[in-house]
All heavy atoms as atom14 arrays in JSON, in Angstrom:
{
  "sequence": "EVPTSGIPLKHLSKKIPQSTIEEVKCPICYNLIWDIVACNS",
  "atom14_mask": [
    [1, 1, 1, 1, 1, 1, 1, 1, 1, 0, 0, 0, 0, 0],
    [1, 1, 1, 1, 1, 1, 1, 0, 0, 0, 0, 0, 0, 0],
    [1, 1, 1, 1, 1, 1, 1, 0, 0, 0, 0, 0, 0, 0],
    [1, 1, 1, 1, 1, 1, 1, 0, 0, 0, 0, 0, 0, 0],
    [1, 1, 1, 1, 1, 1, 0, 0, 0, 0, 0, 0, 0, 0],
    [1, 1, 1, 1, 0, 0, 0, 0, 0, 0, 0, 0, 0, 0],
    [1, 1, 1, 1, 1, 1, 1, 1, 0, 0, 0, 0, 0, 0],
    [1, 1, 1, 1, 1, 1, 1, 0, 0, 0, 0, 0, 0, 0],
    [1, 1, 1, 1, 1, 1, 1, 1, 0, 0, 0, 0, 0, 0],
    [1, 1, 1, 1, 1, 1, 1, 1, 1, 0, 0, 0, 0, 0],
    [1, 1, 1, 1, 1, 1, 1, 1, 1, 1, 0, 0, 0, 0],
    [1, 1, 1, 1, 1, 1, 1, 1, 0, 0, 0, 0, 0, 0],
    [1, 1, 1, 1, 1, 1, 0, 0, 0, 0, 0, 0, 0, 0],
    [1, 1, 1, 1, 1, 1, 1, 1, 1, 0, 0, 0, 0, 0],
    [1, 1, 1, 1, 1, 1, 1, 1, 1, 0, 0, 0, 0, 0],
    [1, 1, 1, 1, 1, 1, 1, 1, 0, 0, 0, 0, 0, 0],
    [1, 1, 1, 1, 1, 1, 1, 0, 0, 0, 0, 0, 0, 0],
    [1, 1, 1, 1, 1, 1, 1, 1, 1, 0, 0, 0, 0, 0],
    [1, 1, 1, 1, 1, 1, 0, 0, 0, 0, 0, 0, 0, 0],
    [1, 1, 1, 1, 1, 1, 1, 0, 0, 0, 0, 0, 0, 0],
    [1, 1, 1, 1, 1, 1, 1, 1, 0, 0, 0, 0, 0, 0],
    [1, 1, 1, 1, 1, 1, 1, 1, 1, 0, 0, 0, 0, 0],
    [1, 1, 1, 1, 1, 1, 1, 1, 1, 0, 0, 0, 0, 0],
    [1, 1, 1, 1, 1, 1, 1, 0, 0, 0, 0, 0, 0, 0],
    [1, 1, 1, 1, 1, 1, 1, 1, 1, 0, 0, 0, 0, 0],
    [1, 1, 1, 1, 1, 1, 0, 0, 0, 0, 0, 0, 0, 0],
    [1, 1, 1, 1, 1, 1, 1, 0, 0, 0, 0, 0, 0, 0],
    [1, 1, 1, 1, 1, 1, 1, 1, 0, 0, 0, 0, 0, 0],
    [1, 1, 1, 1, 1, 1, 0, 0, 0, 0, 0, 0, 0, 0],
    [1, 1, 1, 1, 1, 1, 1, 1, 1, 1, 1, 1, 0, 0],
    [1, 1, 1, 1, 1, 1, 1, 1, 0, 0, 0, 0, 0, 0],
    [1, 1, 1, 1, 1, 1, 1, 1, 0, 0, 0, 0, 0, 0],
    [1, 1, 1, 1, 1, 1, 1, 1, 0, 0, 0, 0, 0, 0],
    [1, 1, 1, 1, 1, 1, 1, 1, 1, 1, 1, 1, 1, 1],
    [1, 1, 1, 1, 1, 1, 1, 1, 0, 0, 0, 0, 0, 0],
    [1, 1, 1, 1, 1, 1, 1, 1, 0, 0, 0, 0, 0, 0],
    [1, 1, 1, 1, 1, 1, 1, 0, 0, 0, 0, 0, 0, 0],
    [1, 1, 1, 1, 1, 0, 0, 0, 0, 0, 0, 0, 0, 0],
    [1, 1, 1, 1, 1, 1, 0, 0, 0, 0, 0, 0, 0, 0],
    [1, 1, 1, 1, 1, 1, 1, 1, 0, 0, 0, 0, 0, 0],
    [1, 1, 1, 1, 1, 1, 0, 0, 0, 0, 0, 0, 0, 0]
  ],
  "atom14_positions": [
    [[0.85, -1.19, 0.0], [0.0, 0.0, 0.0], [0.88, 1.25, 0.0], [1.03, 1.95, 0.99], [-0.93, -0.02, 1.21], [-1.9, -1.2, 1.21], [-2.76, -1.26, 2.45], [-2.91, -0.23, 3.13], [-3.29, -2.34, 2.74], [0.0, 0.0, 0.0], [0.0, 0.0, 0.0], [0.0, 0.0, 0.0], [0.0, 0.0, 0.0], [0.0, 0.0, 0.0]],
    [[1.48, 1.51, -1.15], [2.38, 2.64, -1.28], [1.58, 3.9, -1.57], [0.7, 3.9, -2.42], [3.38, 2.4, -2.44], [4.31, 3.58, -2.59], [4.16, 1.12, -2.19], [0.0, 0.0, 0.0], [0.0, 0.0, 0.0], [0.0, 0.0, 0.0], [0.0, 0.0, 0.0], [0.0, 0.0, 0.0], [0.0, 0.0, 0.0], [0.0, 0.0, 0.0]],
    [[1.87, 4.99, -0.87], [1.13, 6.23, -1.14], [1.45, 6.77, -2.52], [2.57, 6.63, -3.01], [1.62, 7.19, -0.04], [2.95, 6.64, 0.38], [2.86, 5.15, 0.21], [0.0, 0.0, 0.0], [0.0, 0.0, 0.0], [0.0, 0.0, 0.0], [0.0, 0.0, 0.0], [0.0, 0.0, 0.0], [0.0, 0.0, 0.0], [0.0, 0.0, 0.0]],
    [[0.46, 7.34, -3.16], [0.68, 8.01, -4.46], [0.37, 9.5, -4.29], [1.25, 10.33, -4.4], [-0.2, 7.39, -5.56], [-1.57, 7.33, -5.11], [0.29, 5.99, -5.9], [0.0, 0.0, 0.0], [0.0, 0.0, 0.0], [0.0, 0.0, 0.0], [0.0, 0.0, 0.0], [0.0, 0.0, 0.0], [0.0, 0.0, 0.0], [0.0, 0.0, 0.0]],
    [[-0.9, 9.79, -4.02], [-1.28, 11.2, -3.85], [-1.19, 11.62, -2.39], [-2.14, 12.11, -1.79], [-2.7, 11.42, -4.37], [-3.62, 10.58, -3.7], [0.0, 0.0, 0.0], [0.0, 0.0, 0.0], [0.0, 0.0, 0.0], [0.0, 0.0, 0.0], [0.0, 0.0, 0.0], [0.0, 0.0, 0.0], [0.0, 0.0, 0.0], [0.0, 0.0, 0.0]],
    [[-0.03, 11.42, -1.8], [0.22, 11.89, -0.44], [-0.22, 10.93, 0.65], [-1.03, 10.04, 0.45], [0.0, 0.0, 0.0], [0.0, 0.0, 0.0], [0.0, 0.0, 0.0], [0.0, 0.0, 0.0], [0.0, 0.0, 0.0], [0.0, 0.0, 0.0], [0.0, 0.0, 0.0], [0.0, 0.0, 0.0], [0.0, 0.0, 0.0], [0.0, 0.0, 0.0]],
    [[0.33, 11.15, 1.84], [-0.01, 10.36, 3.03], [-1.05, 11.13, 3.82], [-0.83, 12.29, 4.17], [1.24, 10.11, 3.89], [2.3, 9.35, 3.08], [0.88, 9.31, 5.15], [3.65, 9.27, 3.77], [0.0, 0.0, 0.0], [0.0, 0.0, 0.0], [0.0, 0.0, 0.0], [0.0, 0.0, 0.0], [0.0, 0.0, 0.0], [0.0, 0.0, 0.0]],
    [[-2.21, 10.53, 4.12], [-3.25, 11.25, 4.88], [-2.69, 11.87, 6.16], [-1.92, 11.25, 6.89], [-4.27, 10.15, 5.19], [-4.11, 9.17, 4.07], [-2.63, 9.17, 3.76], [0.0, 0.0, 0.0], [0.0, 0.0, 0.0], [0.0, 0.0, 0.0], [0.0, 0.0, 0.0], [0.0, 0.0, 0.0], [0.0, 0.0, 0.0], [0.0, 0.0, 0.0]],
    [[-3.1, 13.11, 6.42], [-2.57, 13.85, 7.57], [-2.9, 13.18, 8.9], [-2.21, 13.4, 9.89], [-3.11, 15.28, 7.56], [-2.7, 16.14, 6.36], [-3.3, 17.53, 6.48], [-1.18, 16.22, 6.23], [0.0, 0.0, 0.0], [0.0, 0.0, 0.0], [0.0, 0.0, 0.0], [0.0, 0.0, 0.0], [0.0, 0.0, 0.0], [0.0, 0.0, 0.0]],
    [[-3.94, 12.36, 8.91], [-4.32, 11.67, 10.16], [-3.23, 10.72, 10.64], [-3.21, 10.32, 11.81], [-5.63, 10.91, 9.99], [-5.56, 9.76, 9.0], [-6.91, 9.07, 8.86], [-6.84, 7.89, 7.89], [-8.17, 7.23, 7.75], [0.0, 0.0, 0.0], [0.0, 0.0, 0.0], [0.0, 0.0, 0.0], [0.0, 0.0, 0.0], [0.0, 0.0, 0.0]],
    [[-2.31, 10.35, 9.74], [-1.23, 9.43, 10.11], [-0.02, 10.17, 10.7], [0.91, 9.52, 11.19], [-0.77, 8.61, 8.9], [-1.8, 7.65, 8.39], [-2.44, 6.74, 9.2], [-2.32, 7.47, 7.14], [-3.3, 6.03, 8.49], [-3.25, 6.46, 7.24], [0.0, 0.0, 0.0], [0.0, 0.0, 0.0], [0.0, 0.0, 0.0], [0.0, 0.0, 0.0]],
    [[-0.03, 11.48, 10.67], [1.1, 12.24, 11.2], [1.1, 12.2, 12.72], [0.06, 12.13, 13.37], [1.03, 13.7, 10.75], [1.23, 13.98, 9.26], [1.21, 15.48, 9.01], [2.53, 13.4, 8.77], [0.0, 0.0, 0.0], [0.0, 0.0, 0.0], [0.0, 0.0, 0.0], [0.0, 0.0, 0.0], [0.0, 0.0, 0.0], [0.0, 0.0, 0.0]],
    [[2.3, 12.27, 13.29], [2.42, 12.37, 14.74], [1.71, 13.63, 15.22], [1.79, 14.7, 14.6], [3.9, 12.44, 15.13], [4.04, 12.81, 16.48], [0.0, 0.0, 0.0], [0.0, 0.0, 0.0], [0.0, 0.0, 0.0], [0.0, 0.0, 0.0], [0.0, 0.0, 0.0], [0.0, 0.0, 0.0], [0.0, 0.0, 0.0], [0.0, 0.0, 0.0]],
    [[0.98, 13.5, 16.32], [0.23, 14.64, 16.86], [1.15, 15.71, 17.44], [0.71, 16.81, 17.78], [-0.76, 14.14, 17.91], [-1.82, 13.19, 17.36], [-2.87, 12.87, 18.38], [-3.87, 11.84, 17.85], [-4.52, 12.27, 16.61], [0.0, 0.0, 0.0], [0.0, 0.0, 0.0], [0.0, 0.0, 0.0], [0.0, 0.0, 0.0], [0.0, 0.0, 0.0]],
    [[2.43, 15.39, 17.57], [3.39, 16.34, 18.12], [3.88, 17.34, 17.08], [4.58, 18.3, 17.42], [4.58, 15.59, 18.73], [4.2, 14.74, 19.94], [5.43, 14.04, 20.51], [5.06, 13.19, 21.73], [6.27, 12.51, 22.31], [0.0, 0.0, 0.0], [0.0, 0.0, 0.0], [0.0, 0.0, 0.0], [0.0, 0.0, 0.0], [0.0, 0.0, 0.0]],
    [[3.55, 17.12, 15.82], [4.01, 18.02, 14.76], [3.2, 19.31, 14.8], [1.96, 19.26, 14.74], [3.89, 17.36, 13.38], [4.75, 16.09, 13.33], [4.29, 18.32, 12.27], [4.61, 15.31, 12.05], [0.0, 0.0, 0.0], [0.0, 0.0, 0.0], [0.0, 0.0, 0.0], [0.0, 0.0, 0.0], [0.0, 0.0, 0.0], [0.0, 0.0, 0.0]],
    [[3.84, 20.47, 14.89], [3.11, 21.75, 14.94], [2.31, 21.98, 13.66], [2.69, 21.55, 12.57], [4.24, 22.79, 15.07], [5.44, 22.03, 15.52], [5.29, 20.64, 14.98], [0.0, 0.0, 0.0], [0.0, 0.0, 0.0], [0.0, 0.0, 0.0], [0.0, 0.0, 0.0], [0.0, 0.0, 0.0], [0.0, 0.0, 0.0], [0.0, 0.0, 0.0]],
    [[1.19, 22.69, 13.81], [0.35, 22.97, 12.66], [1.1, 23.78, 11.59], [0.9, 23.57, 10.39], [-0.9, 23.75, 13.1], [-1.92, 23.99, 12.0], [-2.48, 22.7, 11.41], [-2.68, 21.72, 12.13], [-2.71, 22.69, 10.11], [0.0, 0.0, 0.0], [0.0, 0.0, 0.0], [0.0, 0.0, 0.0], [0.0, 0.0, 0.0], [0.0, 0.0, 0.0]],
    [[1.98, 24.66, 12.04], [2.75, 25.47, 11.08], [3.63, 24.59, 10.2], [3.81, 24.85, 9.0], [3.62, 26.49, 11.83], [4.5, 25.84, 12.73], [0.0, 0.0, 0.0], [0.0, 0.0, 0.0], [0.0, 0.0, 0.0], [0.0, 0.0, 0.0], [0.0, 0.0, 0.0], [0.0, 0.0, 0.0], [0.0, 0.0, 0.0], [0.0, 0.0, 0.0]],
    [[4.18, 23.52, 10.8], [5.01, 22.59, 10.02], [4.14, 21.79, 9.06], [4.54, 21.55, 7.91], [5.77, 21.63, 10.96], [6.61, 22.39, 11.83], [6.62, 20.65, 10.17], [0.0, 0.0, 0.0], [0.0, 0.0, 0.0], [0.0, 0.0, 0.0], [0.0, 0.0, 0.0], [0.0, 0.0, 0.0], [0.0, 0.0, 0.0], [0.0, 0.0, 0.0]],
    [[2.97, 21.38, 9.52], [2.05, 20.62, 8.66], [1.7, 21.41, 7.41], [1.66, 20.88, 6.3], [0.77, 20.24, 9.44], [1.11, 19.22, 10.54], [-0.28, 19.66, 8.49], [-0.05, 18.84, 11.42], [0.0, 0.0, 0.0], [0.0, 0.0, 0.0], [0.0, 0.0, 0.0], [0.0, 0.0, 0.0], [0.0, 0.0, 0.0], [0.0, 0.0, 0.0]],
    [[1.49, 22.73, 7.58], [1.16, 23.56, 6.42], [2.31, 23.59, 5.41], [2.08, 23.68, 4.2], [0.81, 24.97, 6.88], [-0.48, 25.07, 7.68], [-1.69, 24.56, 6.91], [-1.78, 24.86, 5.69], [-2.53, 23.85, 7.5], [0.0, 0.0, 0.0], [0.0, 0.0, 0.0], [0.0, 0.0, 0.0], [0.0, 0.0, 0.0], [0.0, 0.0, 0.0]],
    [[3.53, 23.5, 5.9], [4.7, 23.53, 5.01], [4.88, 22.24, 4.22], [5.44, 22.25, 3.13], [5.97, 23.79, 5.83], [6.09, 25.19, 6.38], [7.46, 25.41, 7.03], [8.44, 25.55, 6.28], [7.52, 25.41, 8.28], [0.0, 0.0, 0.0], [0.0, 0.0, 0.0], [0.0, 0.0, 0.0], [0.0, 0.0, 0.0], [0.0, 0.0, 0.0]],
    [[4.42, 21.12, 4.81], [4.66, 19.82, 4.17], [3.4, 19.25, 3.53], [3.37, 18.09, 3.13], [5.23, 18.81, 5.2], [6.57, 19.28, 5.72], [4.25, 18.58, 6.36], [0.0, 0.0, 0.0], [0.0, 0.0, 0.0], [0.0, 0.0, 0.0], [0.0, 0.0, 0.0], [0.0, 0.0, 0.0], [0.0, 0.0, 0.0], [0.0, 0.0, 0.0]],
    [[2.37, 20.06, 3.41], [1.11, 19.6, 2.84], [1.05, 19.93, 1.34], [1.33, 21.05, 0.93], [-0.06, 20.27, 3.57], [-1.43, 19.78, 3.14], [-2.52, 20.23, 4.11], [-2.68, 21.74, 4.12], [-3.82, 22.15, 4.96], [0.0, 0.0, 0.0], [0.0, 0.0, 0.0], [0.0, 0.0, 0.0], [0.0, 0.0, 0.0], [0.0, 0.0, 0.0]],
    [[0.68, 18.95, 0.55], [0.56, 19.15, -0.9], [-0.62, 20.07, -1.19], [-1.73, 19.82, -0.7], [0.37, 17.81, -1.61], [0.07, 17.93, -3.38], [0.0, 0.0, 0.0], [0.0, 0.0, 0.0], [0.0, 0.0, 0.0], [0.0, 0.0, 0.0], [0.0, 0.0, 0.0], [0.0, 0.0, 0.0], [0.0, 0.0, 0.0], [0.0, 0.0, 0.0]],
    [[-0.43, 21.14, -1.99], [-1.53, 22.06, -2.3], [-2.56, 21.48, -3.26], [-3.58, 22.12, -3.53], [-0.8, 23.26, -2.92], [0.46, 22.7, -3.48], [0.85, 21.58, -2.57], [0.0, 0.0, 0.0], [0.0, 0.0, 0.0], [0.0, 0.0, 0.0], [0.0, 0.0, 0.0], [0.0, 0.0, 0.0], [0.0, 0.0, 0.0], [0.0, 0.0, 0.0]],
    [[-2.31, 20.27, -3.75], [-3.28, 19.64, -4.66], [-4.14, 18.62, -3.94], [-5.37, 18.66, -4.01], [-2.55, 18.98, -5.85], [-1.81, 20.04, -6.68], [-3.56, 18.22, -6.75], [-0.98, 19.49, -7.81], [0.0, 0.0, 0.0], [0.0, 0.0, 0.0], [0.0, 0.0, 0.0], [0.0, 0.0, 0.0], [0.0, 0.0, 0.0], [0.0, 0.0, 0.0]],
    [[-3.51, 17.68, -3.22], [-4.27, 16.63, -2.53], [-4.5, 16.94, -1.06], [-5.29, 16.27, -0.39], [-3.58, 15.27, -2.67], [-2.01, 15.13, -1.77], [0.0, 0.0, 0.0], [0.0, 0.0, 0.0], [0.0, 0.0, 0.0], [0.0, 0.0, 0.0], [0.0, 0.0, 0.0], [0.0, 0.0, 0.0], [0.0, 0.0, 0.0], [0.0, 0.0, 0.0]],
    [[-3.78, 17.94, -0.53], [-3.89, 18.35, 0.88], [-3.46, 17.27, 1.86], [-3.86, 17.27, 3.02], [-5.31, 18.84, 1.21], [-5.76, 19.97, 0.33], [-6.72, 19.77, -0.66], [-5.2, 21.24, 0.44], [-7.11, 20.81, -1.5], [-5.59, 22.29, -0.39], [-6.55, 22.06, -1.35], [-6.93, 23.08, -2.17], [0.0, 0.0, 0.0], [0.0, 0.0, 0.0]],
    [[-2.67, 16.33, 1.38], [-2.05, 15.32, 2.25], [-0.57, 15.64, 2.41], [-0.04, 16.54, 1.76], [-2.21, 13.92, 1.64], [-3.64, 13.44, 1.65], [-4.39, 13.71, 2.58], [-4.03, 12.72, 0.61], [0.0, 0.0, 0.0], [0.0, 0.0, 0.0], [0.0, 0.0, 0.0], [0.0, 0.0, 0.0], [0.0, 0.0, 0.0], [0.0, 0.0, 0.0]],
    [[0.09, 14.88, 3.28], [1.54, 15.0, 3.41], [2.19, 14.64, 2.09], [1.9, 13.58, 1.51], [2.04, 14.08, 4.52], [3.57, 13.99, 4.7], [4.14, 15.33, 5.15], [3.92, 12.89, 5.71], [0.0, 0.0, 0.0], [0.0, 0.0, 0.0], [0.0, 0.0, 0.0], [0.0, 0.0, 0.0], [0.0, 0.0, 0.0], [0.0, 0.0, 0.0]],
    [[3.05, 15.51, 1.58], [3.65, 15.29, 0.27], [4.46, 14.0, 0.25], [5.23, 13.72, 1.17], [4.55, 16.48, -0.12], [3.72, 17.76, -0.24], [5.28, 16.21, -1.43], [4.55, 19.01, -0.43], [0.0, 0.0, 0.0], [0.0, 0.0, 0.0], [0.0, 0.0, 0.0], [0.0, 0.0, 0.0], [0.0, 0.0, 0.0], [0.0, 0.0, 0.0]],
    [[4.28, 13.24, -0.82], [5.05, 12.01, -1.02], [5.74, 12.09, -2.37], [5.12, 12.43, -3.37], [4.12, 10.79, -0.96], [4.86, 9.5, -1.1], [4.9, 8.69, -2.18], [5.71, 8.9, -0.11], [5.71, 7.59, -1.94], [6.2, 7.7, -0.67], [6.08, 9.23, 1.19], [7.07, 6.85, 0.02], [6.93, 8.39, 1.87], [7.41, 7.21, 1.3]],
    [[7.01, 11.77, -2.4], [7.83, 11.85, -3.61], [7.87, 13.32, -4.05], [7.27, 13.72, -5.04], [7.25, 10.96, -4.71], [8.29, 10.64, -5.78], [9.45, 11.04, -5.62], [7.93, 9.99, -6.78], [0.0, 0.0, 0.0], [0.0, 0.0, 0.0], [0.0, 0.0, 0.0], [0.0, 0.0, 0.0], [0.0, 0.0, 0.0], [0.0, 0.0, 0.0]],
    [[8.64, 14.1, -3.32], [8.61, 15.56, -3.4], [9.23, 16.1, -4.7], [10.35, 15.73, -5.06], [9.39, 16.17, -2.22], [9.01, 15.5, -0.91], [9.18, 17.67, -2.14], [10.02, 15.71, 0.21], [0.0, 0.0, 0.0], [0.0, 0.0, 0.0], [0.0, 0.0, 0.0], [0.0, 0.0, 0.0], [0.0, 0.0, 0.0], [0.0, 0.0, 0.0]],
    [[8.49, 16.96, -5.38], [9.04, 17.74, -6.49], [8.62, 19.2, -6.3], [7.63, 19.49, -5.62], [8.55, 17.23, -7.87], [9.11, 15.87, -8.18], [7.03, 17.23, -7.95], [0.0, 0.0, 0.0], [0.0, 0.0, 0.0], [0.0, 0.0, 0.0], [0.0, 0.0, 0.0], [0.0, 0.0, 0.0], [0.0, 0.0, 0.0], [0.0, 0.0, 0.0]],
    [[9.39, 20.11, -6.9], [9.12, 21.54, -6.74], [9.08, 22.24, -8.09], [9.76, 21.84, -9.04], [10.19, 22.18, -5.85], [0.0, 0.0, 0.0], [0.0, 0.0, 0.0], [0.0, 0.0, 0.0], [0.0, 0.0, 0.0], [0.0, 0.0, 0.0], [0.0, 0.0, 0.0], [0.0, 0.0, 0.0], [0.0, 0.0, 0.0], [0.0, 0.0, 0.0]],
    [[8.27, 23.29, -8.15], [8.28, 24.17, -9.32], [9.5, 25.08, -9.19], [9.68, 25.74, -8.17], [6.99, 25.02, -9.34], [7.02, 26.34, -10.55], [0.0, 0.0, 0.0], [0.0, 0.0, 0.0], [0.0, 0.0, 0.0], [0.0, 0.0, 0.0], [0.0, 0.0, 0.0], [0.0, 0.0, 0.0], [0.0, 0.0, 0.0], [0.0, 0.0, 0.0]],
    [[10.35, 25.1, -10.21], [11.58, 25.89, -10.08], [11.34, 27.39, -10.27], [12.27, 28.19, -10.14], [12.67, 25.39, -11.03], [12.38, 25.69, -12.49], [11.3, 26.16, -12.84], [13.36, 25.4, -13.34], [0.0, 0.0, 0.0], [0.0, 0.0, 0.0], [0.0, 0.0, 0.0], [0.0, 0.0, 0.0], [0.0, 0.0, 0.0], [0.0, 0.0, 0.0]],
    [[10.09, 27.78, -10.55], [9.76, 29.21, -10.66], [9.37, 29.8, -9.31], [9.85, 30.87, -8.91], [8.63, 29.44, -11.66], [9.03, 29.08, -12.96], [0.0, 0.0, 0.0], [0.0, 0.0, 0.0], [0.0, 0.0, 0.0], [0.0, 0.0, 0.0], [0.0, 0.0, 0.0], [0.0, 0.0, 0.0], [0.0, 0.0, 0.0], [0.0, 0.0, 0.0]]
  ]
}
């Protein structure tokens, strides 16, 4: 069961600050980013 469109946020440790979660959340699927790529612009 390999993630494709991100790892559901419910699986994250509850100790992770919300500000950090916002940084690591995919703006498309709204899950934790998996297999990270970036727009170079």
